[in-house]
Structure formats: C-alpha cells, structure tokens
Amino acid sequence: MSGNAYAGGHDTRFAVVRYGNVMGSRGSVIPLFLSLVSQGKLPITDPQMTRFMVSLDQCVDLVCQAFEDTEGGEIYVRKIPSMKVTDIARAIDPAAEHHIIGIRPGEKLHEQMISAEDSCLTYEYDNYYKILPAIDNWGNENRVKGGRKVPPGFVYASNTNAEWMSVEALRTWIDANRGMLGNV
C-alpha cells in the first residue's frame, strides 16, 4: 500500500480487496470434493474448520466497488457467509464418510479477514468493510464516505461470522455453476 506514497503527481491509486474461499476456483475445496464423490470418502482437515464463501461475481462486484470508491491505500473486505468444511462436504455428498486428515503446516482453522488490531481503522458499509490506511497524514476523514465505525476489538472471522451459508444454498450454487466447475 505504500505504493500510493510514490504515486504523487500521477492518477495511479492502489487498494486491496480481500475475500475468502472463491467457490469453484482452483484453490477451493469444492472441485476437489466433487472429484472424490465416487470414492465415498472425503478428506476433512478438521471437523471444526470454517471458511468464508464467496462467488466469483461477488469478487468482481467488490473490485468494481473499490475502483469507484478508493482514494488509495484502503483494504476492502466483502461481507460474505461462512460454512463449516463438514457442511461443504455434506452439500456435495451427504453419504460420504469424512476422513480426518489434520491441519497442514501454515493452514488456519478459521479465516480472519479483519483483526482486532485493524478495528480502529475499519468502517462498515451495507455489503463490505473498508480498512483505512494506518498512515496519519493520508486524509482518512475524507475516505469514510458514509461508513459506520466498527466497535473497538471488532474481528471479522469465519467462525464468528453472523451470516452462514446453508447446505441447500451451496447445493443450489453448485447446480447453477456446473459448467464453471468443469468435468466434476
């Protein structure tokens, strides 16, 4: 984000968008689980593991929002539902056995997109949060644009999220996006 400090005299502005599990992407567990359905067993890292769930369209919407809104240096976080990994597995194959494989090095049990440390710079909007730059002289008072300050210590994490995606909602999404998911 410090690239904004070097962009003086230019129209270039840098901002960041942050979101969780892009459903159906290469990094998503959904295509993996779909490819393993015929085996009757799905690998589960940890039964308590949660992830944020976001569609590609929602990702694009957040990028467009950031383009329209940014002054430079902000971090935009889309409001999206969470799911337990076991519920993702149930949505894909309710009859499959869950084989617990354990957390890999560096993997987190829950996703956290806004930390308590960021709460003092975070504002809430209808569909997203915006974390303002931590640099004092960047005119943050002009960046708020109608947002509501989050409470001190606010954390946006997949395990404490107020919005949860149901198994049926994920099944509906999978059925509607089979073409994007390839041959699985």
C-alpha atoms as a PDB file:
ATOM      1  CA  MET A   1       0.000   0.000   0.000  1.00  0.00           C
ATOM      2  CA  SER A   2       2.979   2.286   0.354  1.00  0.00           C
ATOM      3  CA  GLY A   3       2.992   2.468  -3.454  1.00  0.00           C
ATOM      4  CA  ASN A   4       0.385   5.224  -3.049  1.00  0.00           C
ATOM      5  CA  ALA A   5       3.028   7.415  -1.388  1.00  0.00           C
ATOM      6  CA  TYR A   6       5.183   7.141  -4.533  1.00  0.00           C
ATOM      7  CA  ALA A   7       2.347   7.835  -6.947  1.00  0.00           C
ATOM      8  CA  GLY A   8       2.452  11.584  -6.299  1.00  0.00           C
ATOM      9  CA  GLY A   9       1.590  13.599  -9.375  1.00  0.00           C
ATOM     10  CA  HIS A  10       0.000  10.573 -11.046  1.00  0.00           C
ATOM     11  CA  ASP A  11      -3.562   9.304 -11.257  1.00  0.00           C
ATOM     12  CA  THR A  12      -2.492   5.818 -10.125  1.00  0.00           C
ATOM     13  CA  ARG A  13      -4.014   4.629  -6.851  1.00  0.00           C
ATOM     14  CA  PHE A  14      -3.541   1.302  -5.122  1.00  0.00           C
ATOM     15  CA  ALA A  15      -6.106  -0.502  -2.979  1.00  0.00           C
ATOM     16  CA  VAL A  16      -6.581  -4.103  -1.870  1.00  0.00           C
ATOM     17  CA  VAL A  17      -9.628  -6.369  -1.943  1.00  0.00           C
ATOM     18  CA  ARG A  18      -9.757  -9.259   0.493  1.00  0.00           C
ATOM     19  CA  TYR A  19     -12.153 -12.192   0.378  1.00  0.00           C
ATOM     20  CA  GLY A  20     -12.287 -15.849   1.361  1.00  0.00           C
ATOM     21  CA  ASN A  21     -12.864 -19.104  -0.483  1.00  0.00           C
ATOM     22  CA  VAL A  22     -13.789 -18.274  -4.083  1.00  0.00           C
ATOM     23  CA  MET A  23     -16.286 -21.063  -4.743  1.00  0.00           C
ATOM     24  CA  GLY A  24     -15.251 -23.246  -7.651  1.00  0.00           C
ATOM     25  CA  SER A  25     -11.777 -21.723  -8.076  1.00  0.00           C
ATOM     26  CA  ARG A  26      -8.633 -23.848  -8.209  1.00  0.00           C
ATOM     27  CA  GLY A  27      -7.972 -23.071  -4.536  1.00  0.00           C
ATOM     28  CA  SER A  28     -11.489 -24.058  -3.476  1.00  0.00           C
ATOM     29  CA  VAL A  29     -12.232 -27.406  -1.861  1.00  0.00           C
ATOM     30  CA  ILE A  30     -15.463 -27.705  -3.883  1.00  0.00           C
ATOM     31  CA  PRO A  31     -13.903 -29.095  -7.115  1.00  0.00           C
ATOM     32  CA  LEU A  32     -11.737 -31.457  -5.043  1.00  0.00           C
ATOM     33  CA  PHE A  33     -14.732 -32.832  -3.147  1.00  0.00           C
ATOM     34  CA  LEU A  34     -16.739 -33.166  -6.379  1.00  0.00           C
ATOM     35  CA  SER A  35     -13.894 -35.158  -7.962  1.00  0.00           C
ATOM     36  CA  LEU A  36     -13.839 -37.561  -4.993  1.00  0.00           C
ATOM     37  CA  VAL A  37     -17.589 -38.276  -4.738  1.00  0.00           C
ATOM     38  CA  SER A  38     -17.276 -41.690  -6.382  1.00  0.00           C
ATOM     39  CA  GLN A  39     -14.851 -42.828  -3.649  1.00  0.00           C
ATOM     40  CA  GLY A  40     -17.423 -42.381  -0.873  1.00  0.00           C
ATOM     41  CA  LYS A  41     -14.846 -40.725   1.390  1.00  0.00           C
ATOM     42  CA  LEU A  42     -13.940 -37.021   1.625  1.00  0.00           C
ATOM     43  CA  PRO A  43     -10.797 -35.654   3.333  1.00  0.00           C
ATOM     44  CA  ILE A  44     -11.642 -33.238   6.148  1.00  0.00           C
ATOM     45  CA  THR A  45      -8.797 -31.218   7.613  1.00  0.00           C
ATOM     46  CA  ASP A  46     -10.565 -30.586  10.916  1.00  0.00           C
ATOM     47  CA  PRO A  47     -14.277 -31.008  11.750  1.00  0.00           C
ATOM     48  CA  GLN A  48     -14.367 -27.505  13.301  1.00  0.00           C
ATOM     49  CA  MET A  49     -12.730 -25.748  10.314  1.00  0.00           C
ATOM     50  CA  THR A  50     -14.696 -22.857   8.788  1.00  0.00           C
ATOM     51  CA  ARG A  51     -14.271 -20.822   5.619  1.00  0.00           C
ATOM     52  CA  PHE A  52     -15.791 -17.696   4.111  1.00  0.00           C
ATOM     53  CA  MET A  53     -17.702 -18.479   0.900  1.00  0.00           C
ATOM     54  CA  VAL A  54     -17.767 -16.003  -1.988  1.00  0.00           C
ATOM     55  CA  SER A  55     -18.832 -16.330  -5.616  1.00  0.00           C
ATOM     56  CA  LEU A  56     -16.726 -15.015  -8.480  1.00  0.00           C
ATOM     57  CA  ASP A  57     -19.479 -12.470  -9.237  1.00  0.00           C
ATOM     58  CA  GLN A  58     -19.267 -11.150  -5.664  1.00  0.00           C
ATOM     59  CA  CYS A  59     -15.485 -10.832  -6.047  1.00  0.00           C
ATOM     60  CA  VAL A  60     -15.907  -8.813  -9.232  1.00  0.00           C
ATOM     61  CA  ASP A  61     -18.519  -6.602  -7.542  1.00  0.00           C
ATOM     62  CA  LEU A  62     -16.064  -5.839  -4.724  1.00  0.00           C
ATOM     63  CA  VAL A  63     -13.312  -4.939  -7.191  1.00  0.00           C
ATOM     64  CA  CYS A  64     -15.717  -2.597  -9.024  1.00  0.00           C
ATOM     65  CA  GLN A  65     -16.740  -1.033  -5.692  1.00  0.00           C
ATOM     66  CA  ALA A  66     -13.084  -0.465  -4.832  1.00  0.00           C
ATOM     67  CA  PHE A  67     -12.431   1.129  -8.259  1.00  0.00           C
ATOM     68  CA  GLU A  68     -15.290   3.573  -7.707  1.00  0.00           C
ATOM     69  CA  ASP A  69     -14.508   4.389  -4.080  1.00  0.00           C
ATOM     70  CA  THR A  70     -10.763   4.237  -3.466  1.00  0.00           C
ATOM     71  CA  GLU A  71      -8.618   7.214  -2.647  1.00  0.00           C
ATOM     72  CA  GLY A  72      -5.649   4.847  -2.391  1.00  0.00           C
ATOM     73  CA  GLY A  73      -4.419   2.682   0.452  1.00  0.00           C
ATOM     74  CA  GLU A  74      -7.737   1.175   1.578  1.00  0.00           C
ATOM     75  CA  ILE A  75      -8.448  -2.523   2.080  1.00  0.00           C
ATOM     76  CA  TYR A  76     -11.946  -3.647   1.037  1.00  0.00           C
ATOM     77  CA  VAL A  77     -13.478  -6.746   2.638  1.00  0.00           C
ATOM     78  CA  ARG A  78     -16.705  -8.184   1.203  1.00  0.00           C
ATOM     79  CA  LYS A  79     -19.399  -9.315   3.653  1.00  0.00           C
ATOM     80  CA  ILE A  80     -19.972 -12.986   2.833  1.00  0.00           C
ATOM     81  CA  PRO A  81     -21.316 -16.087   4.576  1.00  0.00           C
ATOM     82  CA  SER A  82     -19.281 -18.753   6.333  1.00  0.00           C
ATOM     83  CA  MET A  83     -19.522 -22.539   6.210  1.00  0.00           C
ATOM     84  CA  LYS A  84     -18.035 -25.396   8.171  1.00  0.00           C
ATOM     85  CA  VAL A  85     -15.916 -27.620   5.937  1.00  0.00           C
ATOM     86  CA  THR A  86     -18.027 -30.582   7.080  1.00  0.00           C
ATOM     87  CA  ASP A  87     -21.138 -28.790   5.755  1.00  0.00           C
ATOM     88  CA  ILE A  88     -19.407 -28.220   2.412  1.00  0.00           C
ATOM     89  CA  ALA A  89     -18.752 -31.976   2.300  1.00  0.00           C
ATOM     90  CA  ARG A  90     -22.400 -32.730   3.218  1.00  0.00           C
ATOM     91  CA  ALA A  91     -23.618 -30.395   0.463  1.00  0.00           C
ATOM     92  CA  ILE A  92     -21.547 -32.289  -2.098  1.00  0.00           C
ATOM     93  CA  ASP A  93     -22.078 -35.843  -0.854  1.00  0.00           C
ATOM     94  CA  PRO A  94     -24.301 -36.357   2.198  1.00  0.00           C
ATOM     95  CA  ALA A  95     -23.476 -40.078   2.308  1.00  0.00           C
ATOM     96  CA  ALA A  96     -19.676 -39.738   2.148  1.00  0.00           C
ATOM     97  CA  GLU A  97     -17.527 -40.786   5.075  1.00  0.00           C
ATOM     98  CA  HIS A  98     -15.394 -37.954   6.486  1.00  0.00           C
ATOM     99  CA  HIS A  99     -11.728 -38.922   6.738  1.00  0.00           C
ATOM    100  CA  ILE A 100      -9.965 -36.522   9.163  1.00  0.00           C
ATOM    101  CA  ILE A 101      -6.502 -35.718   7.765  1.00  0.00           C
ATOM    102  CA  GLY A 102      -5.358 -32.911  10.107  1.00  0.00           C
ATOM    103  CA  ILE A 103      -4.265 -29.343   9.503  1.00  0.00           C
ATOM    104  CA  ARG A 104      -1.277 -28.827   7.230  1.00  0.00           C
ATOM    105  CA  PRO A 105       1.619 -26.540   8.241  1.00  0.00           C
ATOM    106  CA  GLY A 106       0.559 -22.905   7.879  1.00  0.00           C
ATOM    107  CA  GLU A 107      -3.124 -23.715   7.444  1.00  0.00           C
ATOM    108  CA  LYS A 108      -5.584 -21.961   9.732  1.00  0.00           C
ATOM    109  CA  LEU A 109      -8.622 -23.463  11.418  1.00  0.00           C
ATOM    110  CA  HIS A 110     -10.654 -20.314  10.675  1.00  0.00           C
ATOM    111  CA  GLU A 111     -10.188 -17.434   8.256  1.00  0.00           C
ATOM    112  CA  GLN A 112      -9.805 -13.946   9.665  1.00  0.00           C
ATOM    113  CA  MET A 113     -10.219 -11.022   7.280  1.00  0.00           C
ATOM    114  CA  ILE A 114     -10.278  -8.190   9.820  1.00  0.00           C
ATOM    115  CA  SER A 115      -8.239  -8.413  13.004  1.00  0.00           C
ATOM    116  CA  ALA A 116      -8.864  -6.653  16.307  1.00  0.00           C
ATOM    117  CA  GLU A 117      -5.785  -4.539  15.545  1.00  0.00           C
ATOM    118  CA  ASP A 118      -7.471  -3.257  12.356  1.00  0.00           C
ATOM    119  CA  SER A 119     -10.755  -2.384  14.104  1.00  0.00           C
ATOM    120  CA  CYS A 120      -9.670   1.174  14.929  1.00  0.00           C
ATOM    121  CA  LEU A 121      -9.360   1.875  11.176  1.00  0.00           C
ATOM    122  CA  THR A 122     -12.364  -0.161   9.957  1.00  0.00           C
ATOM    123  CA  TYR A 123     -15.721   1.139   8.720  1.00  0.00           C
ATOM    124  CA  GLU A 124     -18.806  -0.869   7.845  1.00  0.00           C
ATOM    125  CA  TYR A 125     -20.984  -0.399   4.753  1.00  0.00           C
ATOM    126  CA  ASP A 126     -24.006  -2.352   3.513  1.00  0.00           C
ATOM    127  CA  ASN A 127     -22.047  -5.057   1.623  1.00  0.00           C
ATOM    128  CA  TYR A 128     -18.447  -4.600   2.717  1.00  0.00           C
ATOM    129  CA  TYR A 129     -15.975  -3.266   5.258  1.00  0.00           C
ATOM    130  CA  LYS A 130     -13.238  -0.771   4.496  1.00  0.00           C
ATOM    131  CA  ILE A 131      -9.959  -0.647   6.422  1.00  0.00           C
ATOM    132  CA  LEU A 132      -8.370   2.780   6.093  1.00  0.00           C
ATOM    133  CA  PRO A 133      -4.615   3.290   5.741  1.00  0.00           C
ATOM    134  CA  ALA A 134      -2.717   3.468   9.017  1.00  0.00           C
ATOM    135  CA  ILE A 135      -0.644   6.436   7.833  1.00  0.00           C
ATOM    136  CA  ASP A 136      -1.782   9.519   9.794  1.00  0.00           C
ATOM    137  CA  ASN A 137      -1.478  12.160   7.118  1.00  0.00           C
ATOM    138  CA  TRP A 138      -3.425  10.432   4.357  1.00  0.00           C
ATOM    139  CA  GLY A 139      -6.666  12.311   4.971  1.00  0.00           C
ATOM    140  CA  ASN A 140      -8.676   9.383   6.306  1.00  0.00           C
ATOM    141  CA  GLU A 141     -11.542  11.700   7.257  1.00  0.00           C
ATOM    142  CA  ASN A 142     -12.291  12.027   3.514  1.00  0.00           C
ATOM    143  CA  ARG A 143     -12.238   8.261   2.961  1.00  0.00           C
ATOM    144  CA  VAL A 144     -15.109   7.269   5.281  1.00  0.00           C
ATOM    145  CA  LYS A 145     -17.875   8.264   2.806  1.00  0.00           C
ATOM    146  CA  GLY A 146     -20.889   7.294   4.896  1.00  0.00           C
ATOM    147  CA  GLY A 147     -19.414   4.278   6.652  1.00  0.00           C
ATOM    148  CA  ARG A 148     -20.096   3.344  10.267  1.00  0.00           C
ATOM    149  CA  LYS A 149     -17.132   2.802  12.583  1.00  0.00           C
ATOM    150  CA  VAL A 150     -16.922  -0.777  13.864  1.00  0.00           C
ATOM    151  CA  PRO A 151     -16.629  -1.285  17.644  1.00  0.00           C
ATOM    152  CA  PRO A 152     -13.164  -1.462  19.223  1.00  0.00           C
ATOM    153  CA  GLY A 153     -11.803  -5.000  19.079  1.00  0.00           C
ATOM    154  CA  PHE A 154     -14.094  -5.983  16.168  1.00  0.00           C
ATOM    155  CA  VAL A 155     -12.941  -9.146  14.360  1.00  0.00           C
ATOM    156  CA  TYR A 156     -14.339 -10.492  11.092  1.00  0.00           C
ATOM    157  CA  ALA A 157     -13.614 -14.213  11.186  1.00  0.00           C
ATOM    158  CA  SER A 158     -15.262 -17.208   9.553  1.00  0.00           C
ATOM    159  CA  ASN A 159     -16.076 -18.921  12.855  1.00  0.00           C
ATOM    160  CA  THR A 160     -17.752 -15.898  14.489  1.00  0.00           C
ATOM    161  CA  ASN A 161     -19.465 -14.543  11.368  1.00  0.00           C
ATOM    162  CA  ALA A 162     -23.149 -13.664  11.780  1.00  0.00           C
ATOM    163  CA  GLU A 163     -24.016 -14.931   8.266  1.00  0.00           C
ATOM    164  CA  TRP A 164     -23.833 -18.651   7.431  1.00  0.00           C
ATOM    165  CA  MET A 165     -24.429 -20.393   4.105  1.00  0.00           C
ATOM    166  CA  SER A 166     -26.736 -23.390   4.325  1.00  0.00           C
ATOM    167  CA  VAL A 167     -26.018 -26.787   2.806  1.00  0.00           C
ATOM    168  CA  GLU A 168     -29.001 -26.272   0.475  1.00  0.00           C
ATOM    169  CA  ALA A 169     -27.725 -22.849  -0.668  1.00  0.00           C
ATOM    170  CA  LEU A 170     -24.361 -24.372  -1.590  1.00  0.00           C
ATOM    171  CA  ARG A 171     -26.066 -27.243  -3.450  1.00  0.00           C
ATOM    172  CA  THR A 172     -28.115 -24.695  -5.398  1.00  0.00           C
ATOM    173  CA  TRP A 173     -24.941 -22.743  -6.250  1.00  0.00           C
ATOM    174  CA  ILE A 174     -23.159 -25.932  -7.398  1.00  0.00           C
ATOM    175  CA  ASP A 175     -26.111 -26.937  -9.605  1.00  0.00           C
ATOM    176  CA  ALA A 176     -26.228 -23.452 -11.168  1.00  0.00           C
ATOM    177  CA  ASN A 177     -22.464 -23.401 -11.811  1.00  0.00           C
ATOM    178  CA  ARG A 178     -21.734 -26.938 -13.032  1.00  0.00           C
ATOM    179  CA  GLY A 179     -20.366 -25.566 -16.315  1.00  0.00           C
ATOM    180  CA  MET A 180     -17.771 -23.476 -14.494  1.00  0.00           C
ATOM    181  CA  LEU A 181     -16.752 -26.449 -12.366  1.00  0.00           C
ATOM    182  CA  GLY A 182     -15.587 -28.471 -15.371  1.00  0.00           C
ATOM    183  CA  ASN A 183     -15.970 -32.219 -15.618  1.00  0.00           C
ATOM    184  CA  VAL A 184     -16.526 -32.906 -11.932  1.00  0.00           C
END
